[in-house]
C-alpha atoms as a PDB file:
ATOM      1  CA  MET A   1      -9.794  40.265  -4.889  1.00  0.00           C
ATOM      2  CA  GLU A   2      -9.473  37.579  -7.537  1.00  0.00           C
ATOM      3  CA  GLU A   3      -6.566  37.757 -10.009  1.00  0.00           C
ATOM      4  CA  ARG A   4      -7.658  37.578 -13.631  1.00  0.00           C
ATOM      5  CA  ASP A   5      -5.813  36.604 -16.758  1.00  0.00           C
ATOM      6  CA  TRP A   6      -4.630  39.551 -18.815  1.00  0.00           C
ATOM      7  CA  SER A   7      -6.134  37.951 -21.902  1.00  0.00           C
ATOM      8  CA  GLU A   8      -9.681  38.284 -20.580  1.00  0.00           C
ATOM      9  CA  ASN A   9      -9.615  41.939 -21.638  1.00  0.00           C
ATOM     10  CA  VAL A  10      -8.365  41.304 -25.184  1.00  0.00           C
ATOM     11  CA  GLN A  11     -10.931  42.105 -27.844  1.00  0.00           C
ATOM     12  CA  THR A  12     -10.782  40.075 -31.046  1.00  0.00           C
ATOM     13  CA  HIS A  13     -12.913  39.675 -34.137  1.00  0.00           C
ATOM     14  CA  TRP A  14     -11.647  36.162 -34.831  1.00  0.00           C
ATOM     15  CA  HIS A  15     -12.886  33.244 -32.797  1.00  0.00           C
ATOM     16  CA  PRO A  16     -11.588  29.817 -33.794  1.00  0.00           C
ATOM     17  CA  ALA A  17     -14.079  27.007 -34.089  1.00  0.00           C
ATOM     18  CA  PRO A  18     -14.252  24.679 -31.104  1.00  0.00           C
ATOM     19  CA  GLY A  19     -11.470  22.124 -31.390  1.00  0.00           C
ATOM     20  CA  PHE A  20      -9.502  24.222 -33.890  1.00  0.00           C
ATOM     21  CA  PHE A  21      -6.265  23.994 -31.894  1.00  0.00           C
ATOM     22  CA  GLU A  22      -6.753  20.272 -31.285  1.00  0.00           C
ATOM     23  CA  GLN A  23      -6.096  19.534 -34.967  1.00  0.00           C
ATOM     24  CA  SER A  24      -2.750  18.581 -36.497  1.00  0.00           C
ATOM     25  CA  ALA A  25      -0.008  21.199 -36.797  1.00  0.00           C
ATOM     26  CA  GLN A  26      -0.570  21.287 -40.580  1.00  0.00           C
ATOM     27  CA  ALA A  27      -4.317  21.887 -40.205  1.00  0.00           C
ATOM     28  CA  ILE A  28      -3.754  24.604 -37.597  1.00  0.00           C
ATOM     29  CA  ALA A  29      -1.239  26.426 -39.810  1.00  0.00           C
ATOM     30  CA  GLU A  30      -3.436  26.162 -42.905  1.00  0.00           C
ATOM     31  CA  GLY A  31      -6.496  27.310 -40.952  1.00  0.00           C
ATOM     32  CA  LEU A  32      -4.637  30.299 -39.552  1.00  0.00           C
ATOM     33  CA  GLN A  33      -3.376  31.231 -43.001  1.00  0.00           C
ATOM     34  CA  ALA A  34      -6.887  30.991 -44.457  1.00  0.00           C
ATOM     35  CA  ASN A  35      -8.387  33.159 -41.703  1.00  0.00           C
ATOM     36  CA  SER A  36      -5.664  35.809 -41.388  1.00  0.00           C
ATOM     37  CA  ASP A  37      -4.818  38.880 -43.427  1.00  0.00           C
ATOM     38  CA  SER A  38      -1.064  38.438 -43.058  1.00  0.00           C
ATOM     39  CA  TYR A  39       1.734  36.257 -41.762  1.00  0.00           C
ATOM     40  CA  ARG A  40       2.068  38.497 -38.714  1.00  0.00           C
ATOM     41  CA  GLN A  41      -1.624  38.208 -37.875  1.00  0.00           C
ATOM     42  CA  ALA A  42      -1.561  34.414 -38.245  1.00  0.00           C
ATOM     43  CA  MET A  43       1.530  34.119 -36.043  1.00  0.00           C
ATOM     44  CA  ASP A  44       0.071  36.538 -33.482  1.00  0.00           C
ATOM     45  CA  ARG A  45      -3.056  34.409 -33.231  1.00  0.00           C
ATOM     46  CA  LEU A  46      -1.002  31.275 -32.716  1.00  0.00           C
ATOM     47  CA  ASP A  47       1.237  32.959 -30.149  1.00  0.00           C
ATOM     48  CA  PHE A  48      -1.805  34.314 -28.304  1.00  0.00           C
ATOM     49  CA  TYR A  49      -3.251  30.813 -28.013  1.00  0.00           C
ATOM     50  CA  ILE A  50       0.074  29.388 -26.829  1.00  0.00           C
ATOM     51  CA  ASN A  51       0.534  32.151 -24.253  1.00  0.00           C
ATOM     52  CA  ARG A  52      -3.068  31.900 -23.063  1.00  0.00           C
ATOM     53  CA  ALA A  53      -2.736  28.158 -22.510  1.00  0.00           C
ATOM     54  CA  GLY A  54       0.491  28.602 -20.548  1.00  0.00           C
ATOM     55  CA  ASP A  55       1.450  25.523 -18.567  1.00  0.00           C
ATOM     56  CA  LYS A  56      -1.780  23.817 -19.608  1.00  0.00           C
ATOM     57  CA  LEU A  57      -0.707  23.662 -23.268  1.00  0.00           C
ATOM     58  CA  LYS A  58      -0.921  20.092 -24.490  1.00  0.00           C
ATOM     59  CA  ASP A  59       1.790  19.002 -26.919  1.00  0.00           C
ATOM     60  CA  PRO A  60       3.869  22.213 -27.179  1.00  0.00           C
ATOM     61  CA  GLN A  61       5.943  20.619 -29.922  1.00  0.00           C
ATOM     62  CA  LYS A  62       2.870  20.510 -32.179  1.00  0.00           C
ATOM     63  CA  PHE A  63       2.536  24.279 -31.888  1.00  0.00           C
ATOM     64  CA  GLU A  64       6.212  24.811 -32.683  1.00  0.00           C
ATOM     65  CA  GLN A  65       5.620  22.661 -35.766  1.00  0.00           C
ATOM     66  CA  ALA A  66       2.629  24.833 -36.669  1.00  0.00           C
ATOM     67  CA  LYS A  67       4.890  27.906 -36.468  1.00  0.00           C
ATOM     68  CA  THR A  68       7.403  26.279 -38.797  1.00  0.00           C
ATOM     69  CA  ILE A  69       4.645  25.339 -41.243  1.00  0.00           C
ATOM     70  CA  LEU A  70       3.234  28.881 -41.117  1.00  0.00           C
ATOM     71  CA  ARG A  71       6.663  30.270 -41.994  1.00  0.00           C
ATOM     72  CA  GLU A  72       6.847  27.882 -44.951  1.00  0.00           C
ATOM     73  CA  LEU A  73       3.320  28.762 -46.125  1.00  0.00           C
ATOM     74  CA  TYR A  74       4.223  32.448 -46.137  1.00  0.00           C
ATOM     75  CA  GLY A  75       7.663  31.919 -47.658  1.00  0.00           C
ATOM     76  CA  ARG A  76       9.500  33.024 -44.521  1.00  0.00           C
ATOM     77  CA  SER A  77      12.682  31.505 -43.158  1.00  0.00           C
ATOM     78  CA  GLU A  78      12.965  32.832 -39.601  1.00  0.00           C
END
């Protein structure tokens, strides 16, 4: 029996455009903010992508930057 990724069963109404996560950290954060109802939803979407990519994530530092930018956009200081 073949092992599947847990994320295959996740249902979502938001599907990023192809190449969305290949943009700059600033563009990713701004795009998430524009397409999310809340800070939590934007951060959850970013975390989901990061977790789904796992070891195959290119440039992890860019995604940490995107998290920092998201916090700033929403006026958070976590």
